[in-house]
């Protein structure tokens, strides 16, 4: 089983997503539901780290990013087979050019 780690960037970005939906759109229940779905999908990676497609972009350690789509958001992550870790790197609104 792989261990999941979140980058500081992801933590900041998901907080921004929550704040936008919860406070700007005034949909706190929707924000809570979305965040719950996102973390549930991420937890599935522990058993199936390669569940989502590679996008070809490399991080600074030359790991390939995988792209997970949850509702209107794209989550990028890398897999470290040697240390059995998954790094959840970023979350972007799907219409944003994340590459």
N, C-alpha and C. Protein backbone atom coordinates (compact mmCIF):
# COMPACT_ATOMS: atom_id res chain seq x y z
N UNK A 1 0.84 -1.18 0.00
CA UNK A 1 0.00 0.00 0.00
C UNK A 1 0.88 1.25 0.00
N UNK A 2 0.49 2.22 -0.79
CA UNK A 2 1.24 3.46 -0.90
C UNK A 2 0.78 4.47 0.15
N UNK A 3 1.72 5.29 0.58
CA UNK A 3 1.41 6.38 1.50
C UNK A 3 1.16 7.64 0.68
N UNK A 4 0.16 8.42 1.08
CA UNK A 4 -0.17 9.64 0.36
C UNK A 4 0.35 10.84 1.12
N UNK A 5 1.02 11.73 0.39
CA UNK A 5 1.51 12.98 0.97
C UNK A 5 1.00 14.13 0.11
N UNK A 6 0.67 15.23 0.78
CA UNK A 6 0.14 16.41 0.11
C UNK A 6 1.19 17.51 0.13
N UNK A 7 1.37 18.17 -1.01
CA UNK A 7 2.30 19.30 -1.05
C UNK A 7 1.63 20.52 -0.42
N UNK A 8 2.44 21.47 -0.02
CA UNK A 8 1.91 22.72 0.52
C UNK A 8 1.07 23.44 -0.53
N UNK A 9 1.48 23.34 -1.79
CA UNK A 9 0.74 23.98 -2.87
C UNK A 9 -0.67 23.41 -2.97
N UNK A 10 -0.77 22.09 -2.90
CA UNK A 10 -2.09 21.46 -2.95
C UNK A 10 -2.95 21.91 -1.78
N UNK A 11 -2.37 21.92 -0.59
CA UNK A 11 -3.12 22.34 0.59
C UNK A 11 -3.68 23.75 0.43
N UNK A 12 -2.87 24.64 -0.11
CA UNK A 12 -3.32 26.03 -0.33
C UNK A 12 -4.40 26.08 -1.41
N UNK A 13 -4.19 25.33 -2.49
CA UNK A 13 -5.13 25.36 -3.61
C UNK A 13 -6.48 24.79 -3.23
N UNK A 14 -6.50 23.69 -2.48
CA UNK A 14 -7.79 23.10 -2.11
C UNK A 14 -8.52 24.00 -1.12
N UNK A 15 -7.78 24.71 -0.30
CA UNK A 15 -8.42 25.68 0.60
C UNK A 15 -9.06 26.81 -0.20
N UNK A 16 -8.39 27.23 -1.26
CA UNK A 16 -8.95 28.26 -2.14
C UNK A 16 -10.22 27.77 -2.83
N UNK A 17 -10.22 26.52 -3.27
CA UNK A 17 -11.40 25.93 -3.89
C UNK A 17 -12.56 25.94 -2.90
N UNK A 18 -12.28 25.46 -1.69
CA UNK A 18 -13.32 25.42 -0.66
C UNK A 18 -13.86 26.82 -0.37
N UNK A 19 -12.97 27.77 -0.19
CA UNK A 19 -13.39 29.13 0.13
C UNK A 19 -14.22 29.75 -0.99
N UNK A 20 -13.82 29.51 -2.22
CA UNK A 20 -14.56 30.06 -3.36
C UNK A 20 -15.98 29.52 -3.40
N UNK A 21 -16.11 28.20 -3.31
CA UNK A 21 -17.44 27.60 -3.39
C UNK A 21 -18.27 27.95 -2.16
N UNK A 22 -17.65 27.88 -1.02
CA UNK A 22 -18.36 28.08 0.23
C UNK A 22 -18.78 29.52 0.47
N UNK A 23 -17.89 30.46 0.20
CA UNK A 23 -18.14 31.86 0.54
C UNK A 23 -18.52 32.74 -0.64
N UNK A 24 -17.86 32.55 -1.76
CA UNK A 24 -18.15 33.38 -2.94
C UNK A 24 -19.47 32.93 -3.59
N UNK A 25 -19.62 31.61 -3.74
CA UNK A 25 -20.85 31.09 -4.34
C UNK A 25 -21.93 30.81 -3.29
N UNK A 26 -21.56 30.91 -2.04
CA UNK A 26 -22.45 30.67 -0.90
C UNK A 26 -23.11 29.29 -0.99
N UNK A 27 -22.27 28.30 -1.19
CA UNK A 27 -22.70 26.90 -1.31
C UNK A 27 -21.86 26.02 -0.40
N UNK A 28 -21.95 26.24 0.88
CA UNK A 28 -21.10 25.51 1.84
C UNK A 28 -21.32 23.99 1.76
N UNK A 29 -22.56 23.56 1.63
CA UNK A 29 -22.85 22.13 1.55
C UNK A 29 -22.20 21.52 0.31
N UNK A 30 -22.28 22.22 -0.81
CA UNK A 30 -21.64 21.75 -2.06
C UNK A 30 -20.13 21.69 -1.90
N UNK A 31 -19.57 22.69 -1.24
CA UNK A 31 -18.12 22.71 -1.00
C UNK A 31 -17.70 21.53 -0.15
N UNK A 32 -18.44 21.26 0.91
CA UNK A 32 -18.12 20.13 1.77
C UNK A 32 -18.22 18.80 1.03
N UNK A 33 -19.26 18.67 0.20
CA UNK A 33 -19.45 17.44 -0.57
C UNK A 33 -18.30 17.24 -1.57
N UNK A 34 -17.92 18.32 -2.26
CA UNK A 34 -16.83 18.23 -3.23
C UNK A 34 -15.52 17.84 -2.55
N UNK A 35 -15.19 18.49 -1.45
CA UNK A 35 -13.94 18.18 -0.74
C UNK A 35 -13.94 16.73 -0.28
N UNK A 36 -15.08 16.26 0.19
CA UNK A 36 -15.20 14.87 0.63
C UNK A 36 -14.95 13.91 -0.53
N UNK A 37 -15.54 14.19 -1.68
CA UNK A 37 -15.35 13.35 -2.87
C UNK A 37 -13.89 13.36 -3.30
N UNK A 38 -13.26 14.52 -3.29
CA UNK A 38 -11.85 14.62 -3.69
C UNK A 38 -10.97 13.76 -2.79
N UNK A 39 -11.13 13.87 -1.49
CA UNK A 39 -10.28 13.09 -0.58
C UNK A 39 -10.59 11.59 -0.65
N UNK A 40 -11.83 11.25 -0.95
CA UNK A 40 -12.18 9.83 -1.12
C UNK A 40 -11.46 9.26 -2.34
N UNK A 41 -11.50 10.00 -3.45
CA UNK A 41 -10.82 9.54 -4.66
C UNK A 41 -9.31 9.45 -4.45
N UNK A 42 -8.76 10.43 -3.75
CA UNK A 42 -7.32 10.40 -3.46
C UNK A 42 -6.96 9.19 -2.62
N UNK A 43 -7.79 8.85 -1.65
CA UNK A 43 -7.49 7.70 -0.79
C UNK A 43 -7.48 6.40 -1.59
N UNK A 44 -8.25 6.33 -2.67
CA UNK A 44 -8.24 5.13 -3.53
C UNK A 44 -6.88 4.90 -4.17
N UNK A 45 -6.08 5.94 -4.28
CA UNK A 45 -4.76 5.81 -4.88
C UNK A 45 -3.83 4.94 -4.05
N UNK A 46 -4.09 4.79 -2.78
CA UNK A 46 -3.23 3.96 -1.93
C UNK A 46 -3.12 2.54 -2.48
N UNK A 47 -4.22 2.03 -2.98
CA UNK A 47 -4.22 0.68 -3.54
C UNK A 47 -3.98 0.66 -5.05
N UNK A 48 -4.35 1.74 -5.71
CA UNK A 48 -4.27 1.80 -7.18
C UNK A 48 -3.59 3.09 -7.62
N UNK A 49 -2.30 3.23 -7.39
CA UNK A 49 -1.62 4.50 -7.67
C UNK A 49 -1.58 4.90 -9.14
N UNK A 50 -1.74 3.96 -10.03
CA UNK A 50 -1.70 4.26 -11.45
C UNK A 50 -3.07 4.22 -12.09
N UNK A 51 -4.08 4.47 -11.28
CA UNK A 51 -5.46 4.42 -11.74
C UNK A 51 -5.75 5.46 -12.82
N UNK A 52 -5.07 6.59 -12.76
CA UNK A 52 -5.35 7.70 -13.69
C UNK A 52 -4.20 7.88 -14.67
N UNK A 53 -4.52 8.46 -15.81
CA UNK A 53 -3.56 8.53 -16.91
C UNK A 53 -2.39 9.48 -16.62
N UNK A 54 -1.26 9.14 -17.24
CA UNK A 54 -0.09 10.02 -17.19
C UNK A 54 -0.30 11.14 -18.19
N UNK A 55 0.23 12.32 -17.84
CA UNK A 55 0.08 13.44 -18.77
C UNK A 55 1.40 13.82 -19.42
N UNK A 56 2.48 13.15 -19.05
CA UNK A 56 3.75 13.38 -19.71
C UNK A 56 4.61 14.48 -19.12
N UNK A 57 4.02 15.37 -18.34
CA UNK A 57 4.80 16.44 -17.72
C UNK A 57 5.60 15.85 -16.56
N UNK A 58 6.83 16.31 -16.39
CA UNK A 58 7.70 15.79 -15.34
C UNK A 58 7.86 16.81 -14.22
N UNK A 59 7.99 16.31 -13.00
CA UNK A 59 8.32 17.20 -11.88
C UNK A 59 9.84 17.35 -11.81
N UNK A 60 10.32 18.06 -10.81
CA UNK A 60 11.77 18.33 -10.73
C UNK A 60 12.60 17.06 -10.49
N UNK A 61 11.97 15.98 -10.01
CA UNK A 61 12.69 14.72 -9.80
C UNK A 61 12.47 13.75 -10.97
N UNK A 62 11.89 14.26 -12.04
CA UNK A 62 11.63 13.49 -13.26
C UNK A 62 10.58 12.40 -13.07
N UNK A 63 9.66 12.61 -12.15
CA UNK A 63 8.50 11.73 -12.02
C UNK A 63 7.40 12.27 -12.92
N UNK A 64 6.70 11.36 -13.59
CA UNK A 64 5.60 11.78 -14.45
C UNK A 64 4.36 12.08 -13.63
N UNK A 65 3.67 13.13 -14.01
CA UNK A 65 2.40 13.46 -13.36
C UNK A 65 1.28 12.58 -13.90
N UNK A 66 0.37 12.27 -13.02
CA UNK A 66 -0.88 11.63 -13.38
C UNK A 66 -1.97 12.66 -13.18
N UNK A 67 -3.05 12.54 -13.96
CA UNK A 67 -4.15 13.50 -13.90
C UNK A 67 -5.43 12.80 -13.47
N UNK A 68 -5.99 13.26 -12.36
CA UNK A 68 -7.26 12.76 -11.86
C UNK A 68 -8.29 13.88 -12.05
N UNK A 69 -9.44 13.56 -12.61
CA UNK A 69 -10.49 14.54 -12.79
C UNK A 69 -11.61 14.22 -11.79
N UNK A 70 -11.97 15.24 -11.00
CA UNK A 70 -13.07 15.12 -10.05
C UNK A 70 -13.98 16.32 -10.27
N UNK A 71 -15.17 16.04 -10.78
CA UNK A 71 -16.12 17.10 -11.13
C UNK A 71 -15.43 18.11 -12.03
N UNK A 72 -15.33 19.36 -11.63
CA UNK A 72 -14.73 20.39 -12.47
C UNK A 72 -13.27 20.67 -12.14
N UNK A 73 -12.62 19.75 -11.46
CA UNK A 73 -11.26 19.98 -11.00
C UNK A 73 -10.32 18.88 -11.46
N UNK A 74 -9.08 19.28 -11.71
CA UNK A 74 -8.02 18.37 -12.12
C UNK A 74 -7.00 18.32 -10.99
N UNK A 75 -6.68 17.11 -10.57
CA UNK A 75 -5.69 16.91 -9.51
C UNK A 75 -4.48 16.25 -10.14
N UNK A 76 -3.31 16.83 -9.92
CA UNK A 76 -2.06 16.27 -10.43
C UNK A 76 -1.30 15.60 -9.29
N UNK A 77 -0.76 14.42 -9.59
CA UNK A 77 0.02 13.71 -8.58
C UNK A 77 1.13 12.91 -9.24
N UNK A 78 2.13 12.57 -8.45
CA UNK A 78 3.23 11.72 -8.91
C UNK A 78 3.32 10.49 -8.03
N UNK A 79 3.93 9.45 -8.57
CA UNK A 79 4.07 8.18 -7.86
C UNK A 79 5.55 7.89 -7.69
N UNK A 80 5.95 7.62 -6.45
CA UNK A 80 7.32 7.23 -6.12
C UNK A 80 7.29 5.76 -5.74
N UNK A 81 7.59 4.89 -6.73
CA UNK A 81 7.55 3.45 -6.50
C UNK A 81 8.58 2.99 -5.47
N UNK A 82 9.75 3.58 -5.52
CA UNK A 82 10.83 3.18 -4.64
C UNK A 82 10.45 3.32 -3.16
N UNK A 83 9.84 4.45 -2.83
CA UNK A 83 9.48 4.71 -1.43
C UNK A 83 8.00 4.46 -1.14
N UNK A 84 7.28 3.95 -2.14
CA UNK A 84 5.85 3.63 -1.98
C UNK A 84 5.07 4.85 -1.50
N UNK A 85 5.27 5.98 -2.21
CA UNK A 85 4.58 7.22 -1.86
C UNK A 85 3.91 7.82 -3.08
N UNK A 86 2.83 8.51 -2.80
CA UNK A 86 2.12 9.29 -3.81
C UNK A 86 2.13 10.73 -3.33
N UNK A 87 2.53 11.63 -4.20
CA UNK A 87 2.57 13.05 -3.86
C UNK A 87 1.45 13.77 -4.61
N UNK A 88 0.48 14.27 -3.85
CA UNK A 88 -0.61 15.04 -4.44
C UNK A 88 -0.10 16.47 -4.56
N UNK A 89 0.07 16.93 -5.79
CA UNK A 89 0.80 18.16 -6.04
C UNK A 89 -0.07 19.40 -6.20
N UNK A 90 -1.12 19.29 -7.03
CA UNK A 90 -1.90 20.48 -7.37
C UNK A 90 -3.36 20.11 -7.63
N UNK A 91 -4.21 21.11 -7.49
CA UNK A 91 -5.60 21.00 -7.92
C UNK A 91 -5.93 22.28 -8.70
N UNK A 92 -6.50 22.08 -9.90
CA UNK A 92 -6.82 23.19 -10.78
C UNK A 92 -8.26 23.09 -11.25
N UNK A 93 -8.86 24.24 -11.48
CA UNK A 93 -10.15 24.26 -12.15
C UNK A 93 -9.93 23.76 -13.57
N UNK A 94 -10.83 22.94 -14.08
CA UNK A 94 -10.57 22.25 -15.36
C UNK A 94 -10.39 23.17 -16.55
N UNK A 95 -10.89 24.39 -16.49
CA UNK A 95 -10.73 25.30 -17.64
C UNK A 95 -9.43 26.08 -17.59
N UNK A 96 -8.68 25.93 -16.51
CA UNK A 96 -7.41 26.61 -16.39
C UNK A 96 -6.34 25.80 -17.13
N UNK A 97 -5.43 26.49 -17.78
CA UNK A 97 -4.34 25.81 -18.47
C UNK A 97 -3.29 25.41 -17.44
N UNK A 98 -3.34 24.19 -16.98
CA UNK A 98 -2.46 23.73 -15.92
C UNK A 98 -1.11 23.22 -16.42
N UNK A 99 -0.98 23.05 -17.72
CA UNK A 99 0.29 22.56 -18.26
C UNK A 99 1.22 23.72 -18.48
